[in-house]
Protein backbone atom coordinates (compact mmCIF):
# COMPACT_ATOMS: atom_id res chain seq x y z
CA UNK A 1 18.48 132.74 73.81
CA UNK A 2 18.86 129.14 72.57
CA UNK A 3 23.05 128.27 73.03
CA UNK A 4 23.37 124.28 73.96
CA UNK A 5 19.34 123.67 73.39
CA UNK A 6 18.81 120.41 71.46
CA UNK A 7 17.77 121.18 68.11
CA UNK A 8 15.17 118.19 67.61
CA UNK A 9 15.00 116.61 63.75
CA UNK A 10 12.89 119.54 61.29
CA UNK A 11 13.62 122.87 63.64
CA UNK A 12 16.05 125.36 63.55
CA UNK A 13 17.58 127.91 66.28
CA UNK A 14 16.71 131.51 66.33
CA UNK A 15 16.81 134.55 68.37
CA UNK A 16 12.83 133.51 69.12
CA UNK A 17 14.54 130.14 70.55
CA UNK A 18 13.97 126.59 68.64
CA UNK A 19 10.97 127.05 65.80
CA UNK A 20 9.88 124.22 62.85
CA UNK A 21 12.93 124.51 59.88
CA UNK A 22 9.97 126.03 57.25
CA UNK A 23 8.98 128.64 59.67
CA UNK A 24 9.98 132.35 59.12
CA UNK A 25 11.20 134.89 61.49
CA UNK A 26 10.28 138.42 60.44
CA UNK A 27 9.92 142.06 62.00
CA UNK A 28 6.49 143.00 62.45
CA UNK A 29 6.15 145.83 59.91
CA UNK A 30 7.48 143.14 57.32
CA UNK A 31 4.33 140.79 57.34
CA UNK A 32 1.73 144.56 57.75
CA UNK A 33 0.63 147.72 56.13
CA UNK A 34 1.56 150.55 57.25
CA UNK A 35 1.61 150.81 61.30
CA UNK A 36 0.05 153.97 62.67
CA UNK A 37 -1.27 154.82 65.81
CA UNK A 38 -4.13 156.76 66.96
CA UNK A 39 -4.58 160.67 67.06
CA UNK A 40 -2.34 162.58 69.31
CA UNK A 41 -4.33 164.74 70.24
CA UNK A 42 -7.53 164.79 72.15
CA UNK A 43 -10.56 166.51 69.79
CA UNK A 44 -13.10 168.88 71.16
CA UNK A 45 -16.25 166.71 72.30
CA UNK A 46 -19.83 167.49 71.20
CA UNK A 47 -22.98 165.90 72.97
CA UNK A 48 -24.51 164.22 70.44
CA UNK A 49 -22.69 162.99 67.23
CA UNK A 50 -22.43 159.43 65.12
CA UNK A 51 -18.97 159.93 65.38
CA UNK A 52 -16.67 158.23 68.20
CA UNK A 53 -13.05 158.45 69.70
CA UNK A 54 -11.81 155.74 71.39
CA UNK A 55 -9.05 154.47 73.69
CA UNK A 56 -8.22 151.69 75.63
CA UNK A 57 -10.71 152.74 78.45
CA UNK A 58 -13.44 152.13 75.60
CA UNK A 59 -12.30 148.38 75.00
CA UNK A 60 -14.52 146.12 76.82
CA UNK A 61 -14.52 142.19 75.70
CA UNK A 62 -12.85 142.03 72.59
CA UNK A 63 -14.62 145.35 71.11
CA UNK A 64 -15.34 149.42 71.93
CA UNK A 65 -18.16 150.01 74.15
CA UNK A 66 -19.60 152.49 72.11
CA UNK A 67 -21.81 153.76 74.14
CA UNK A 68 -18.39 155.01 75.87
CA UNK A 69 -16.29 156.30 73.87
CA UNK A 70 -16.55 159.77 73.44
CA UNK A 71 -18.71 161.83 70.47
CA UNK A 72 -16.90 164.44 67.95
CA UNK A 73 -18.04 166.19 65.38
CA UNK A 74 -18.07 165.01 61.93
CA UNK A 75 -15.29 167.33 60.86
CA UNK A 76 -12.89 165.83 63.26
CA UNK A 77 -13.62 162.58 62.30
CA UNK A 78 -12.81 163.42 58.64
CA UNK A 79 -9.86 165.18 59.53
CA UNK A 80 -8.48 161.69 61.79
CA UNK A 81 -9.60 159.71 59.10
CA UNK A 82 -7.15 161.07 56.91
CA UNK A 83 -4.85 161.12 59.31
CA UNK A 84 -4.84 157.68 59.45
CA UNK A 85 -6.55 156.96 62.87
CA UNK A 86 -9.25 154.89 61.57
CA UNK A 87 -8.99 150.94 62.07
CA UNK A 88 -10.41 149.02 59.03
CA UNK A 89 -12.29 145.36 59.73
CA UNK A 90 -9.73 143.04 59.93
CA UNK A 91 -6.42 145.10 61.53
CA UNK A 92 -5.10 144.25 65.06
CA UNK A 93 -5.57 146.88 67.74
CA UNK A 94 -2.39 146.70 69.84
CA UNK A 95 -2.51 149.10 73.60
CA UNK A 96 0.61 150.84 73.63
CA UNK A 97 0.93 153.14 76.42
CA UNK A 98 0.47 152.79 80.24
CA UNK A 99 -2.17 149.29 79.99
CA UNK A 100 0.65 147.63 77.16
CA UNK A 101 -0.61 144.49 75.91
CA UNK A 102 -4.63 144.54 75.77
CA UNK A 103 -5.05 142.98 71.85
CA UNK A 104 -8.42 142.91 69.54
CA UNK A 105 -8.92 141.73 66.08
CA UNK A 106 -11.03 145.09 65.24
CA UNK A 107 -14.72 143.82 63.60
CA UNK A 108 -17.26 146.93 64.31
CA UNK A 109 -18.91 148.61 61.74
CA UNK A 110 -18.55 151.96 62.82
CA UNK A 111 -17.66 155.44 62.68
CA UNK A 112 -14.79 154.92 64.89
CA UNK A 113 -10.91 157.24 65.10
CA UNK A 114 -8.52 156.27 67.75
CA UNK A 115 -6.00 158.09 69.94
CA UNK A 116 -2.50 157.43 69.82
CA UNK A 117 -2.95 155.07 73.09
CA UNK A 118 -3.88 152.34 70.28
CA UNK A 119 -1.30 150.78 67.61
CA UNK A 120 -3.21 150.08 64.33
CA UNK A 121 -1.92 147.52 62.65
CA UNK A 122 -2.87 146.32 59.62
CA UNK A 123 -1.90 142.91 58.27
CA UNK A 124 -0.65 141.67 54.84
CA UNK A 125 -3.86 139.17 53.97
CA UNK A 126 -1.57 137.25 51.59
CA UNK A 127 1.15 137.09 54.67
CA UNK A 128 -0.40 137.08 58.25
CA UNK A 129 -3.54 135.93 59.60
CA UNK A 130 -5.49 139.03 61.78
CA UNK A 131 -6.57 136.25 64.39
CA UNK A 132 -3.04 134.76 64.77
CA UNK A 133 -1.21 137.87 64.94
CA UNK A 134 -3.23 138.59 68.09
CA UNK A 135 -2.56 135.74 69.37
CA UNK A 136 0.89 135.74 68.69
CA UNK A 137 1.38 139.73 70.20
CA UNK A 138 -0.56 138.58 73.63
CA UNK A 139 2.29 135.36 73.82
CA UNK A 140 4.53 135.63 76.46
CA UNK A 141 7.58 135.37 74.22
CA UNK A 142 6.34 138.48 72.28
CA UNK A 143 3.73 140.58 74.87
CA UNK A 144 7.56 140.46 76.99
CA UNK A 145 9.70 141.71 74.58
CA UNK A 146 7.52 144.15 73.37
CA UNK A 147 6.78 145.34 77.19
CA UNK A 148 10.83 145.14 77.76
CA UNK A 149 10.86 148.22 74.79
CA UNK A 150 8.55 150.22 76.95
CA UNK A 151 10.32 153.95 77.55
CA UNK A 152 8.81 157.58 79.08
CA UNK A 153 9.01 158.18 83.50
CA UNK A 154 5.17 159.59 83.61
CA UNK A 155 3.64 157.50 81.05
CA UNK A 156 5.30 154.10 80.42
CA UNK A 157 4.60 153.68 76.51
CA UNK A 158 5.87 151.22 73.74
CA UNK A 159 6.66 154.42 70.31
CA UNK A 160 6.17 152.97 67.20
CA UNK A 161 9.35 152.04 65.97
CA UNK A 162 10.35 149.99 68.72
CA UNK A 163 6.58 148.24 68.52
CA UNK A 164 7.48 147.29 64.26
CA UNK A 165 11.03 146.31 64.79
CA UNK A 166 9.45 143.02 66.71
CA UNK A 167 10.63 139.69 65.61
CA UNK A 168 7.90 137.38 65.26
CA UNK A 169 7.83 133.29 64.12
CA UNK A 170 6.14 133.28 60.83
CA UNK A 171 4.60 129.88 59.47
CA UNK A 172 2.48 129.07 56.70
CA UNK A 173 -0.91 131.36 56.29
CA UNK A 174 -3.37 128.11 56.35
CA UNK A 175 -0.90 126.81 59.68
CA UNK A 176 -1.10 130.64 60.93
CA UNK A 177 -5.69 130.04 60.33
CA UNK A 178 -5.28 126.39 62.22
CA UNK A 179 -3.37 127.55 65.12
CA UNK A 180 -6.03 130.50 65.09
CA UNK A 181 -8.80 128.58 65.14
CA UNK A 182 -7.83 126.65 67.97
CA UNK A 183 -6.74 129.65 69.99
CA UNK A 184 -10.01 131.03 69.35
CA UNK A 185 -11.93 128.11 70.35
CA UNK A 186 -10.73 128.03 73.54
CA UNK A 187 -10.90 131.63 73.96
CA UNK A 188 -15.12 131.23 73.36
CA UNK A 189 -14.65 128.46 76.11
CA UNK A 190 -13.28 131.12 78.10
CA UNK A 191 -15.27 134.16 77.20
CA UNK A 192 -19.03 131.98 77.89
CA UNK A 193 -17.88 131.00 80.70
CA UNK A 194 -16.58 134.59 82.67
CA UNK A 195 -20.32 135.54 81.23
CA UNK A 196 -22.17 132.43 83.08
CA UNK A 197 -20.18 133.71 86.08
CA UNK A 198 -21.22 136.81 85.66
CA UNK A 199 -24.51 136.58 85.17
CA UNK A 200 -24.84 134.10 88.08
CA UNK A 201 -22.93 137.05 90.24
CA UNK A 202 -25.65 139.14 89.15
CA UNK A 203 -28.43 136.65 90.25
CA UNK A 204 -26.77 135.99 93.68
CA UNK A 205 -26.51 139.88 94.27
CA UNK A 206 -30.45 140.23 93.74
CA UNK A 207 -30.84 137.16 96.22
CA UNK A 208 -28.95 138.30 98.62
CA UNK A 209 -31.00 141.43 98.49
CA UNK A 210 -34.28 139.96 98.60
CA UNK A 211 -33.37 137.33 100.96
CA UNK A 212 -31.79 139.89 103.69
CA UNK A 213 -34.98 142.13 103.36
CA UNK A 214 -38.04 140.25 103.27
CA UNK A 215 -36.64 136.92 104.92
CA UNK A 216 -38.34 133.39 104.04
CA UNK A 217 -42.23 133.27 104.33
CA UNK A 218 -43.23 136.70 106.01
CA UNK A 219 -46.11 138.99 104.82
CA UNK A 220 -45.57 141.69 107.70
CA UNK A 221 -42.45 144.07 107.74
CA UNK A 222 -41.37 147.23 109.74
CA UNK A 223 -39.16 149.87 108.61
CA UNK A 224 -35.63 150.54 110.17
CA UNK A 225 -31.87 152.41 110.20
CA UNK A 226 -31.14 149.42 107.73
CA UNK A 227 -34.29 149.62 105.55
CA UNK A 228 -37.58 147.62 105.47
CA UNK A 229 -37.13 143.52 106.74
CA UNK A 230 -39.65 141.06 108.68
CA UNK A 231 -41.30 142.27 111.99
CA UNK A 232 -39.44 139.07 113.53
CA UNK A 233 -36.08 139.82 112.87
CA UNK A 234 -33.99 142.31 115.33
CA UNK A 235 -30.85 144.47 114.52
CA UNK A 236 -27.89 144.41 116.70
CA UNK A 237 -24.48 145.83 116.73
CA UNK A 238 -21.64 143.05 116.15
CA UNK A 239 -20.60 143.33 119.76
CA UNK A 240 -23.75 141.90 120.64
CA UNK A 241 -22.94 138.37 118.45
CA UNK A 242 -19.33 138.25 119.51
CA UNK A 243 -18.58 135.55 121.81
CA UNK A 244 -14.60 136.83 122.21
CA UNK A 245 -12.90 139.86 120.16
CA UNK A 246 -12.66 141.42 117.79
CA UNK A 247 -8.63 140.70 118.80
CA UNK A 248 -5.59 142.16 116.83
CA UNK A 249 -3.19 139.60 115.73
CA UNK A 250 0.63 138.92 116.35
CA UNK A 251 3.49 141.28 115.79
CA UNK A 252 7.00 139.30 115.41
CA UNK A 253 9.87 140.81 113.39
CA UNK A 254 10.26 138.68 109.83
CA UNK A 255 13.83 137.08 111.37
CA UNK A 256 10.82 134.92 113.38
CA UNK A 257 9.65 133.96 110.07
CA UNK A 258 10.81 130.93 108.17
CA UNK A 259 10.58 127.50 110.62
CA UNK A 260 7.53 126.61 113.70
CA UNK A 261 3.97 127.04 113.38
CA UNK A 262 1.68 128.48 109.99
CA UNK A 263 0.60 132.10 110.41
CA UNK A 264 -1.58 133.50 108.37
CA UNK A 265 -0.64 137.40 106.75
CA UNK A 266 -2.29 139.92 105.00
CA UNK A 267 -1.90 138.00 101.73
CA UNK A 268 -3.67 135.20 102.98
CA UNK A 269 -7.02 137.02 103.48
CA UNK A 270 -7.64 137.26 99.70
CA UNK A 271 -7.09 133.54 98.48
CA UNK A 272 -10.27 132.54 98.80
CA UNK A 273 -13.55 134.56 98.83
CA UNK A 274 -15.23 132.86 102.01
CA UNK A 275 -12.82 129.88 103.72
CA UNK A 276 -9.66 130.21 105.08
CA UNK A 277 -6.89 128.15 102.77
CA UNK A 278 -4.59 127.20 105.31
CA UNK A 279 -2.90 125.07 102.73
CA UNK A 280 0.31 127.40 101.91
CA UNK A 281 0.83 129.43 104.83
CA UNK A 282 4.09 130.82 106.10
CA UNK A 283 5.64 129.42 109.38
CA UNK A 284 6.53 131.64 112.60
CA UNK A 285 8.16 130.52 116.05
CA UNK A 286 6.37 131.15 118.26
CA UNK A 287 5.91 131.12 122.54
CA UNK A 288 3.60 128.91 124.41
CA UNK A 289 2.31 132.62 125.23
CA UNK A 290 1.93 133.69 122.06
CA UNK A 291 0.19 130.13 120.88
CA UNK A 292 -2.22 130.27 123.39
CA UNK A 293 -3.44 134.67 122.96
CA UNK A 294 -3.06 134.05 118.89
CA UNK A 295 -4.41 130.81 118.42
CA UNK A 296 -7.05 130.18 116.04
CA UNK A 297 -10.03 128.01 116.72
CA UNK A 298 -12.45 126.24 114.31
CA UNK A 299 -15.26 128.68 113.12
CA UNK A 300 -13.44 132.05 114.39
CA UNK A 301 -13.44 134.62 111.51
CA UNK A 302 -10.99 136.81 110.79
CA UNK A 303 -11.29 140.32 109.79
CA UNK A 304 -8.86 142.54 107.36
CA UNK A 305 -8.05 145.48 109.61
CA UNK A 306 -6.30 147.74 107.14
CA UNK A 307 -6.09 147.98 103.33
CA UNK A 308 -4.32 150.01 100.70
CA UNK A 309 -7.96 150.16 99.20
CA UNK A 310 -11.36 150.73 101.28
CA UNK A 311 -12.82 147.97 99.57
CA UNK A 312 -10.43 145.78 100.86
CA UNK A 313 -11.23 146.96 104.42
CA UNK A 314 -13.19 144.46 106.72
CA UNK A 315 -13.38 141.48 104.29
CA UNK A 316 -14.08 138.64 106.54
CA UNK A 317 -13.32 134.99 105.81
CA UNK A 318 -14.12 132.13 108.12
CA UNK A 319 -11.30 129.61 109.68
CA UNK A 320 -12.61 125.78 109.15
CA UNK A 321 -10.89 122.33 109.04
CA UNK A 322 -8.62 123.59 111.59
CA UNK A 323 -6.34 120.69 112.74
CA UNK A 324 -2.73 122.39 113.74
CA UNK A 325 -1.55 124.97 115.84
CA UNK A 326 -2.43 128.37 113.41
CA UNK A 327 -1.58 131.67 114.39
CA UNK A 328 -2.44 135.24 112.90
CA UNK A 329 -0.75 138.38 111.98
CA UNK A 330 -1.41 141.74 113.71
CA UNK A 331 -2.88 143.52 110.04
CA UNK A 332 -5.97 141.45 110.79
CA UNK A 333 -9.07 140.67 113.81
CA UNK A 334 -10.00 138.03 115.03
CA UNK A 335 -13.49 137.16 116.94
CA UNK A 336 -15.42 133.70 117.85
CA UNK A 337 -19.23 133.88 116.84
CA UNK A 338 -22.66 133.87 119.28
CA UNK A 339 -23.60 130.15 117.90
CA UNK A 340 -26.77 130.42 119.48
CA UNK A 341 -27.63 133.88 118.01
CA UNK A 342 -25.68 133.22 114.13
CA UNK A 343 -24.35 130.40 112.60
CA UNK A 344 -20.86 131.06 110.87
CA UNK A 345 -22.53 130.86 107.16
CA UNK A 346 -24.93 133.68 107.63
CA UNK A 347 -22.41 135.82 109.04
CA UNK A 348 -20.38 135.62 105.82
CA UNK A 349 -23.31 135.94 103.64
CA UNK A 350 -23.74 139.28 105.33
CA UNK A 351 -20.38 140.66 105.42
CA UNK A 352 -20.59 140.56 101.77
CA UNK A 353 -23.38 142.47 101.70
CA UNK A 354 -23.65 145.82 100.17
CA UNK A 355 -25.88 146.21 103.83
CA UNK A 356 -22.30 145.42 105.19
CA UNK A 357 -20.22 147.06 102.65
CA UNK A 358 -21.98 150.58 103.10
CA UNK A 359 -21.76 150.22 107.31
CA UNK A 360 -17.75 149.64 106.37
CA UNK A 361 -17.01 152.06 103.91
CA UNK A 362 -18.77 155.38 106.89
CA UNK A 363 -16.70 154.11 109.36
CA UNK A 364 -13.43 152.86 108.09
CA UNK A 365 -10.50 155.40 108.33
CA UNK A 366 -8.73 156.40 104.88
CA UNK A 367 -6.00 158.09 104.12
CA UNK A 368 -2.61 156.97 102.66
CA UNK A 369 -3.93 153.48 103.80
CA UNK A 370 -7.53 152.46 104.92
CA UNK A 371 -8.56 150.78 108.39
CA UNK A 372 -10.99 149.73 110.63
CA UNK A 373 -10.90 149.74 114.70
CA UNK A 374 -12.14 147.34 116.76
CA UNK A 375 -14.36 149.40 118.19
CA UNK A 376 -15.85 151.05 114.91
CA UNK A 377 -16.08 147.18 113.70
CA UNK A 378 -18.25 146.34 117.10
CA UNK A 379 -20.98 149.01 115.93
CA UNK A 380 -21.67 147.70 112.90
CA UNK A 381 -25.18 146.45 112.73
CA UNK A 382 -26.36 143.23 111.32
CA UNK A 383 -30.12 141.37 110.86
CA UNK A 384 -31.08 139.47 113.39
CA UNK A 385 -33.33 135.67 113.03
CA UNK A 386 -33.52 132.48 113.74
CA UNK A 387 -31.22 130.17 114.12
CA UNK A 388 -33.35 127.91 111.86
CA UNK A 389 -34.21 130.71 109.00
CA UNK A 390 -30.37 132.22 108.67
CA UNK A 391 -30.28 128.60 108.03
CA UNK A 392 -31.98 128.67 104.65
CA UNK A 393 -30.82 131.59 103.60
CA UNK A 394 -27.37 130.62 104.23
CA UNK A 395 -28.16 127.17 102.21
CA UNK A 396 -29.60 128.73 99.29
CA UNK A 397 -26.94 131.20 98.62
CA UNK A 398 -24.15 128.78 99.23
CA UNK A 399 -25.80 126.66 96.06
CA UNK A 400 -25.24 130.07 94.43
CA UNK A 401 -22.04 130.21 95.30
CA UNK A 402 -20.89 126.66 94.70
CA UNK A 403 -21.85 127.20 91.26
CA UNK A 404 -19.83 130.42 90.81
CA UNK A 405 -17.47 128.56 92.37
CA UNK A 406 -17.37 125.46 90.20
CA UNK A 407 -17.11 127.90 86.88
CA UNK A 408 -14.22 130.08 88.48
CA UNK A 409 -12.65 126.70 88.70
CA UNK A 410 -12.90 125.41 85.27
CA UNK A 411 -12.00 129.22 83.90
CA UNK A 412 -8.91 128.85 85.70
CA UNK A 413 -8.12 125.41 83.48
CA UNK A 414 -9.48 126.73 80.25
CA UNK A 415 -6.88 129.99 80.84
CA UNK A 416 -4.38 127.08 81.70
CA UNK A 417 -5.01 125.51 78.66
CA UNK A 418 -4.92 128.63 76.61
CA UNK A 419 -1.25 129.37 77.86
CA UNK A 420 -0.18 125.64 77.27
CA UNK A 421 -1.30 126.23 73.95
CA UNK A 422 0.02 129.30 73.60
CA UNK A 423 3.05 127.99 74.41
CA UNK A 424 3.41 124.75 72.25
CA UNK A 425 1.48 126.02 69.13
CA UNK A 426 2.63 129.46 68.92
CA UNK A 427 6.53 128.46 69.09
CA UNK A 428 5.80 124.84 66.51
CA UNK A 429 6.49 122.61 69.71
CA UNK A 430 2.51 121.17 68.96
CA UNK A 431 1.80 121.20 65.24
CA UNK A 432 -1.72 121.25 63.38
CA UNK A 433 -2.09 119.14 61.11
CA UNK A 434 -3.35 121.42 58.13
């Protein structure tokens, strides 16, 4: 692994790569007390109890959601405590069955035992810092090794004997504590940003519900098949607001790909929430007729025809800043809007609402994959108000979206920072002052 690698002064080659000379490489079990896992049987649930049993599914934001955990009797609880299935404060918990790699330091005071999908790793306090251990187990260097040890067919898992023998780097305890402190501070910023995004998305959903049912400044309302809306508003089918389309895209054999003009593929519809990202599209060789038939224009909307999951069907993106010839593939449809009736931004916001999604779910065909036809898309209904009111509604919702996107970009930067810090700090490439 480290053959022909230049070793700087003060470092040494090991099976984990180049690390500081004073660091050790040890088996995980050598720096921990007895590594165990949870119960290998699922005790019977009871209706009400203060005693809980948890699995991977109950982990949320680095702790257990106790309300979602199964209630068990005190007898079963005490039995499983004796069998070593209860974590103690400071133990590192690691998911080893199915989803491998969820990891947290246990800090809850609760009458809680675990199922066998979670390993209980109690660090020796004089040797291994719990937070450092958790960060280390989540690092690419160690986690990839653990995942490579998965066995089984129906449910792939890492058995305890293999987890115990994983080799890990071991700095001095003060250096571990300092490394963990740096990484934990970044984690706190990541968690705070995620919470801001979550709260803003909840705010947007409430605003959307209000603006798309009450509008702005209306006092009189009427009942419709989509619910109560302002008296001045109308409900029309999408066919009434489409100037052209919906039209299915181009199908060509993969041998035509690799040169020519840009083409939007299904994967490209999931790169953003609203606007088509044209920066990294595949190329395809086109005839003049294909260019004429499938070329995208400014403010065209692309609608996903098929998806493995119904939630992905009829996702909409808007084509903006189209400067060169771009075409679209057959797994999607293209439509242009009658902009005298509806502005593109209002249409985008409507298609991210529950009003739109519920209709899509009713029309979509399900099976090995979900799909929606041109005819069914045309029959979906939409609210129509004045262009002026559409602009006001779209402006308000777009401001909220902009705030969400700013925080998502900041979150991505923090995650990249964390990834780089883990690579540097957990290998000793960058040293901390202790």
